[in-house]
Amino acid sequence: MEFRQHYRIKNSGFTLMEVLLVVGIVAALAAYGWVSLAQSQTRTAATRAGEEMAGAVREIQNWAMTSHAGRGWGLRCDSGIPTSFSYTETQPLLDQTIIPMRSGFSCTMDPAEIRFSKLTGTPLGAPANLEVYYNGQAVKRIEINSPGIITLKSI
């Protein structure tokens, strides 16, 4: 009897099922974290792109209000690429400058272009909406209303 007690093999450690269960739980949590991180990065990039575009619209509006280079200024989206332009009464389109956007982003405008009045910065014509897209999906809207107030909204 003493021999069996002295050389008894102890069963200690984890079973294969317990290890697989823990690995599965850790993998599920990691996958959830990865998806959440990707969504968070997309939202952050969309917010930054919208803020950058709204800042560019405000800058163009300020150029019009100060009659930068003695011209009027406007904005349009050509094939998804935002472009600022200047104009005079006799020349409808002078300088054009592409506004850089983050990779994967594009824009559309309704109406097709907006011109800001000199000194007041109010849009000439109807209020405008500029939508920022990421990989073909609308993510932000920039509204330019009659008094010239520019607001950034999530879609």
C-alpha atoms as a PDB file:
ATOM      1  CA  MET A   1       0.000   0.000   0.000  1.00  0.00           C
ATOM      2  CA  GLU A   2       2.805   2.339   0.813  1.00  0.00           C
ATOM      3  CA  PHE A   3       4.399   1.643  -2.575  1.00  0.00           C
ATOM      4  CA  ARG A   4       1.315   2.802  -4.497  1.00  0.00           C
ATOM      5  CA  GLN A   5       0.932   6.006  -2.547  1.00  0.00           C
ATOM      6  CA  HIS A   6       4.568   6.921  -2.959  1.00  0.00           C
ATOM      7  CA  TYR A   7       4.714   6.466  -6.739  1.00  0.00           C
ATOM      8  CA  ARG A   8       1.253   7.662  -7.597  1.00  0.00           C
ATOM      9  CA  ILE A   9       1.084   9.783 -10.777  1.00  0.00           C
ATOM     10  CA  LYS A  10      -0.562  13.112 -10.158  1.00  0.00           C
ATOM     11  CA  ASN A  11      -3.013  14.427 -12.759  1.00  0.00           C
ATOM     12  CA  SER A  12      -2.379  18.137 -12.945  1.00  0.00           C
ATOM     13  CA  GLY A  13      -2.656  20.680 -15.772  1.00  0.00           C
ATOM     14  CA  PHE A  14      -5.342  21.546 -18.278  1.00  0.00           C
ATOM     15  CA  THR A  15      -7.277  19.279 -20.577  1.00  0.00           C
ATOM     16  CA  LEU A  16      -7.235  19.825 -24.323  1.00  0.00           C
ATOM     17  CA  MET A  17     -10.844  21.014 -24.223  1.00  0.00           C
ATOM     18  CA  GLU A  18     -10.040  23.688 -21.648  1.00  0.00           C
ATOM     19  CA  VAL A  19      -7.106  24.976 -23.697  1.00  0.00           C
ATOM     20  CA  LEU A  20      -9.177  25.038 -26.906  1.00  0.00           C
ATOM     21  CA  LEU A  21     -11.983  26.884 -25.135  1.00  0.00           C
ATOM     22  CA  VAL A  22      -9.600  29.585 -23.869  1.00  0.00           C
ATOM     23  CA  VAL A  23      -7.932  29.920 -27.289  1.00  0.00           C
ATOM     24  CA  GLY A  24     -11.367  30.251 -28.927  1.00  0.00           C
ATOM     25  CA  ILE A  25     -12.453  32.965 -26.513  1.00  0.00           C
ATOM     26  CA  VAL A  26      -9.205  34.902 -27.016  1.00  0.00           C
ATOM     27  CA  ALA A  27      -9.543  34.579 -30.822  1.00  0.00           C
ATOM     28  CA  ALA A  28     -13.150  35.847 -30.716  1.00  0.00           C
ATOM     29  CA  LEU A  29     -12.140  38.858 -28.599  1.00  0.00           C
ATOM     30  CA  ALA A  30      -9.209  39.611 -30.914  1.00  0.00           C
ATOM     31  CA  ALA A  31     -11.467  39.441 -33.996  1.00  0.00           C
ATOM     32  CA  TYR A  32     -13.992  41.784 -32.384  1.00  0.00           C
ATOM     33  CA  GLY A  33     -11.202  44.186 -31.441  1.00  0.00           C
ATOM     34  CA  TRP A  34      -9.782  44.094 -34.974  1.00  0.00           C
ATOM     35  CA  VAL A  35     -13.155  44.904 -36.559  1.00  0.00           C
ATOM     36  CA  SER A  36     -13.779  47.695 -34.037  1.00  0.00           C
ATOM     37  CA  LEU A  37     -10.348  49.157 -34.744  1.00  0.00           C
ATOM     38  CA  ALA A  38     -10.940  49.107 -38.510  1.00  0.00           C
ATOM     39  CA  GLN A  39     -14.341  50.801 -38.126  1.00  0.00           C
ATOM     40  CA  SER A  40     -12.874  53.401 -35.796  1.00  0.00           C
ATOM     41  CA  GLN A  41     -10.065  54.185 -38.238  1.00  0.00           C
ATOM     42  CA  THR A  42     -12.582  54.567 -41.090  1.00  0.00           C
ATOM     43  CA  ARG A  43     -14.755  56.919 -39.015  1.00  0.00           C
ATOM     44  CA  THR A  44     -11.716  58.963 -38.005  1.00  0.00           C
ATOM     45  CA  ALA A  45     -10.489  59.210 -41.597  1.00  0.00           C
ATOM     46  CA  ALA A  46     -13.980  60.243 -42.761  1.00  0.00           C
ATOM     47  CA  THR A  47     -14.200  62.917 -40.073  1.00  0.00           C
ATOM     48  CA  ARG A  48     -10.759  64.259 -40.954  1.00  0.00           C
ATOM     49  CA  ALA A  49     -11.537  64.297 -44.677  1.00  0.00           C
ATOM     50  CA  GLY A  50     -14.810  66.131 -43.998  1.00  0.00           C
ATOM     51  CA  GLU A  51     -13.105  68.650 -41.732  1.00  0.00           C
ATOM     52  CA  GLU A  52     -10.322  69.223 -44.267  1.00  0.00           C
ATOM     53  CA  MET A  53     -12.867  69.746 -47.055  1.00  0.00           C
ATOM     54  CA  ALA A  54     -14.963  72.100 -44.890  1.00  0.00           C
ATOM     55  CA  GLY A  55     -11.757  74.014 -44.094  1.00  0.00           C
ATOM     56  CA  ALA A  56     -10.966  74.289 -47.802  1.00  0.00           C
ATOM     57  CA  VAL A  57     -14.495  75.607 -48.496  1.00  0.00           C
ATOM     58  CA  ARG A  58     -14.075  78.191 -45.718  1.00  0.00           C
ATOM     59  CA  GLU A  59     -10.719  79.226 -47.156  1.00  0.00           C
ATOM     60  CA  ILE A  60     -12.235  79.692 -50.620  1.00  0.00           C
ATOM     61  CA  GLN A  61     -15.087  81.666 -49.041  1.00  0.00           C
ATOM     62  CA  ASN A  62     -12.530  83.874 -47.256  1.00  0.00           C
ATOM     63  CA  TRP A  63     -10.689  84.445 -50.526  1.00  0.00           C
ATOM     64  CA  ALA A  64     -13.954  85.660 -52.053  1.00  0.00           C
ATOM     65  CA  MET A  65     -14.687  87.911 -49.054  1.00  0.00           C
ATOM     66  CA  THR A  66     -11.237  89.526 -49.256  1.00  0.00           C
ATOM     67  CA  SER A  67     -11.301  89.620 -53.080  1.00  0.00           C
ATOM     68  CA  HIS A  68      -8.057  87.635 -53.089  1.00  0.00           C
ATOM     69  CA  ALA A  69      -6.134  88.626 -56.248  1.00  0.00           C
ATOM     70  CA  GLY A  70      -9.051  90.954 -57.128  1.00  0.00           C
ATOM     71  CA  ARG A  71     -11.216  88.036 -58.210  1.00  0.00           C
ATOM     72  CA  GLY A  72     -14.260  86.082 -57.154  1.00  0.00           C
ATOM     73  CA  TRP A  73     -13.798  82.503 -55.987  1.00  0.00           C
ATOM     74  CA  GLY A  74     -15.768  79.300 -56.235  1.00  0.00           C
ATOM     75  CA  LEU A  75     -15.676  75.544 -55.819  1.00  0.00           C
ATOM     76  CA  ARG A  76     -16.802  72.522 -57.808  1.00  0.00           C
ATOM     77  CA  CYS A  77     -16.252  68.769 -57.894  1.00  0.00           C
ATOM     78  CA  ASP A  78     -15.006  67.507 -61.261  1.00  0.00           C
ATOM     79  CA  SER A  79     -15.247  63.715 -61.517  1.00  0.00           C
ATOM     80  CA  GLY A  80     -15.133  63.435 -57.729  1.00  0.00           C
ATOM     81  CA  ILE A  81     -12.144  65.768 -57.375  1.00  0.00           C
ATOM     82  CA  PRO A  82     -12.731  69.074 -55.554  1.00  0.00           C
ATOM     83  CA  THR A  83     -11.412  72.059 -57.463  1.00  0.00           C
ATOM     84  CA  SER A  84     -11.263  75.726 -56.482  1.00  0.00           C
ATOM     85  CA  PHE A  85     -11.421  78.355 -59.198  1.00  0.00           C
ATOM     86  CA  SER A  86     -11.318  82.098 -59.564  1.00  0.00           C
ATOM     87  CA  TYR A  87     -13.328  84.249 -61.922  1.00  0.00           C
ATOM     88  CA  THR A  88     -13.987  87.822 -62.937  1.00  0.00           C
ATOM     89  CA  GLU A  89     -17.015  89.435 -64.516  1.00  0.00           C
ATOM     90  CA  THR A  90     -15.479  89.164 -67.985  1.00  0.00           C
ATOM     91  CA  GLN A  91     -13.692  85.840 -67.577  1.00  0.00           C
ATOM     92  CA  PRO A  92     -15.914  83.107 -66.118  1.00  0.00           C
ATOM     93  CA  LEU A  93     -13.047  80.775 -65.269  1.00  0.00           C
ATOM     94  CA  LEU A  94      -9.457  81.675 -64.507  1.00  0.00           C
ATOM     95  CA  ASP A  95      -7.203  79.728 -62.146  1.00  0.00           C
ATOM     96  CA  GLN A  96      -8.157  76.217 -61.161  1.00  0.00           C
ATOM     97  CA  THR A  97      -6.527  74.390 -58.258  1.00  0.00           C
ATOM     98  CA  ILE A  98      -7.207  70.799 -57.270  1.00  0.00           C
ATOM     99  CA  ILE A  99      -7.842  70.460 -53.548  1.00  0.00           C
ATOM    100  CA  PRO A 100      -5.971  67.420 -52.226  1.00  0.00           C
ATOM    101  CA  MET A 101      -8.091  64.734 -50.564  1.00  0.00           C
ATOM    102  CA  ARG A 102      -7.171  61.620 -48.635  1.00  0.00           C
ATOM    103  CA  SER A 103      -6.821  58.347 -50.514  1.00  0.00           C
ATOM    104  CA  GLY A 104     -10.156  56.658 -51.224  1.00  0.00           C
ATOM    105  CA  PHE A 105     -12.177  59.876 -50.812  1.00  0.00           C
ATOM    106  CA  SER A 106     -14.125  61.770 -53.463  1.00  0.00           C
ATOM    107  CA  CYS A 107     -16.911  64.360 -53.577  1.00  0.00           C
ATOM    108  CA  THR A 108     -20.070  65.453 -55.369  1.00  0.00           C
ATOM    109  CA  MET A 109     -21.840  68.810 -55.326  1.00  0.00           C
ATOM    110  CA  ASP A 110     -25.396  69.969 -55.800  1.00  0.00           C
ATOM    111  CA  PRO A 111     -25.451  72.344 -57.671  1.00  0.00           C
ATOM    112  CA  ALA A 112     -22.427  71.409 -59.792  1.00  0.00           C
ATOM    113  CA  GLU A 113     -20.474  74.466 -58.641  1.00  0.00           C
ATOM    114  CA  ILE A 114     -20.755  77.243 -56.128  1.00  0.00           C
ATOM    115  CA  ARG A 115     -19.503  80.783 -56.453  1.00  0.00           C
ATOM    116  CA  PHE A 116     -19.100  83.021 -53.444  1.00  0.00           C
ATOM    117  CA  SER A 117     -19.939  86.704 -53.654  1.00  0.00           C
ATOM    118  CA  LYS A 118     -17.201  89.189 -53.022  1.00  0.00           C
ATOM    119  CA  LEU A 119     -17.138  90.907 -49.637  1.00  0.00           C
ATOM    120  CA  THR A 120     -20.055  88.941 -48.105  1.00  0.00           C
ATOM    121  CA  GLY A 121     -18.977  85.373 -48.910  1.00  0.00           C
ATOM    122  CA  THR A 122     -22.552  84.269 -49.434  1.00  0.00           C
ATOM    123  CA  PRO A 123     -23.154  81.712 -52.152  1.00  0.00           C
ATOM    124  CA  LEU A 124     -24.427  83.147 -55.413  1.00  0.00           C
ATOM    125  CA  GLY A 125     -27.591  81.283 -56.326  1.00  0.00           C
ATOM    126  CA  ALA A 126     -29.051  78.409 -54.346  1.00  0.00           C
ATOM    127  CA  PRO A 127     -27.510  76.926 -51.200  1.00  0.00           C
ATOM    128  CA  ALA A 128     -25.115  74.077 -51.932  1.00  0.00           C
ATOM    129  CA  ASN A 129     -24.452  70.617 -50.555  1.00  0.00           C
ATOM    130  CA  LEU A 130     -21.089  68.959 -50.953  1.00  0.00           C
ATOM    131  CA  GLU A 131     -20.954  65.253 -50.084  1.00  0.00           C
ATOM    132  CA  VAL A 132     -17.721  63.490 -49.198  1.00  0.00           C
ATOM    133  CA  TYR A 133     -17.506  59.816 -50.185  1.00  0.00           C
ATOM    134  CA  TYR A 134     -15.219  57.063 -48.960  1.00  0.00           C
ATOM    135  CA  ASN A 135     -14.901  54.059 -51.285  1.00  0.00           C
ATOM    136  CA  GLY A 136     -18.169  55.029 -52.976  1.00  0.00           C
ATOM    137  CA  GLN A 137     -20.186  55.480 -49.765  1.00  0.00           C
ATOM    138  CA  ALA A 138     -21.326  58.930 -48.604  1.00  0.00           C
ATOM    139  CA  VAL A 139     -19.839  59.665 -45.180  1.00  0.00           C
ATOM    140  CA  LYS A 140     -20.033  63.453 -44.653  1.00  0.00           C
ATOM    141  CA  ARG A 141     -22.126  66.329 -45.976  1.00  0.00           C
ATOM    142  CA  ILE A 142     -21.002  69.936 -46.048  1.00  0.00           C
ATOM    143  CA  GLU A 143     -23.911  72.356 -46.254  1.00  0.00           C
ATOM    144  CA  ILE A 144     -23.380  75.911 -47.468  1.00  0.00           C
ATOM    145  CA  ASN A 145     -26.570  77.871 -46.828  1.00  0.00           C
ATOM    146  CA  SER A 146     -27.823  81.245 -48.017  1.00  0.00           C
ATOM    147  CA  PRO A 147     -26.098  83.399 -45.396  1.00  0.00           C
ATOM    148  CA  GLY A 148     -22.816  81.582 -46.177  1.00  0.00           C
ATOM    149  CA  ILE A 149     -22.739  79.420 -43.059  1.00  0.00           C
ATOM    150  CA  ILE A 150     -20.768  76.206 -43.626  1.00  0.00           C
ATOM    151  CA  THR A 151     -21.728  73.179 -41.551  1.00  0.00           C
ATOM    152  CA  LEU A 152     -20.290  69.655 -41.526  1.00  0.00           C
ATOM    153  CA  LYS A 153     -22.749  66.814 -40.914  1.00  0.00           C
ATOM    154  CA  SER A 154     -22.436  63.055 -40.652  1.00  0.00           C
ATOM    155  CA  ILE A 155     -24.511  60.921 -42.976  1.00  0.00           C
END
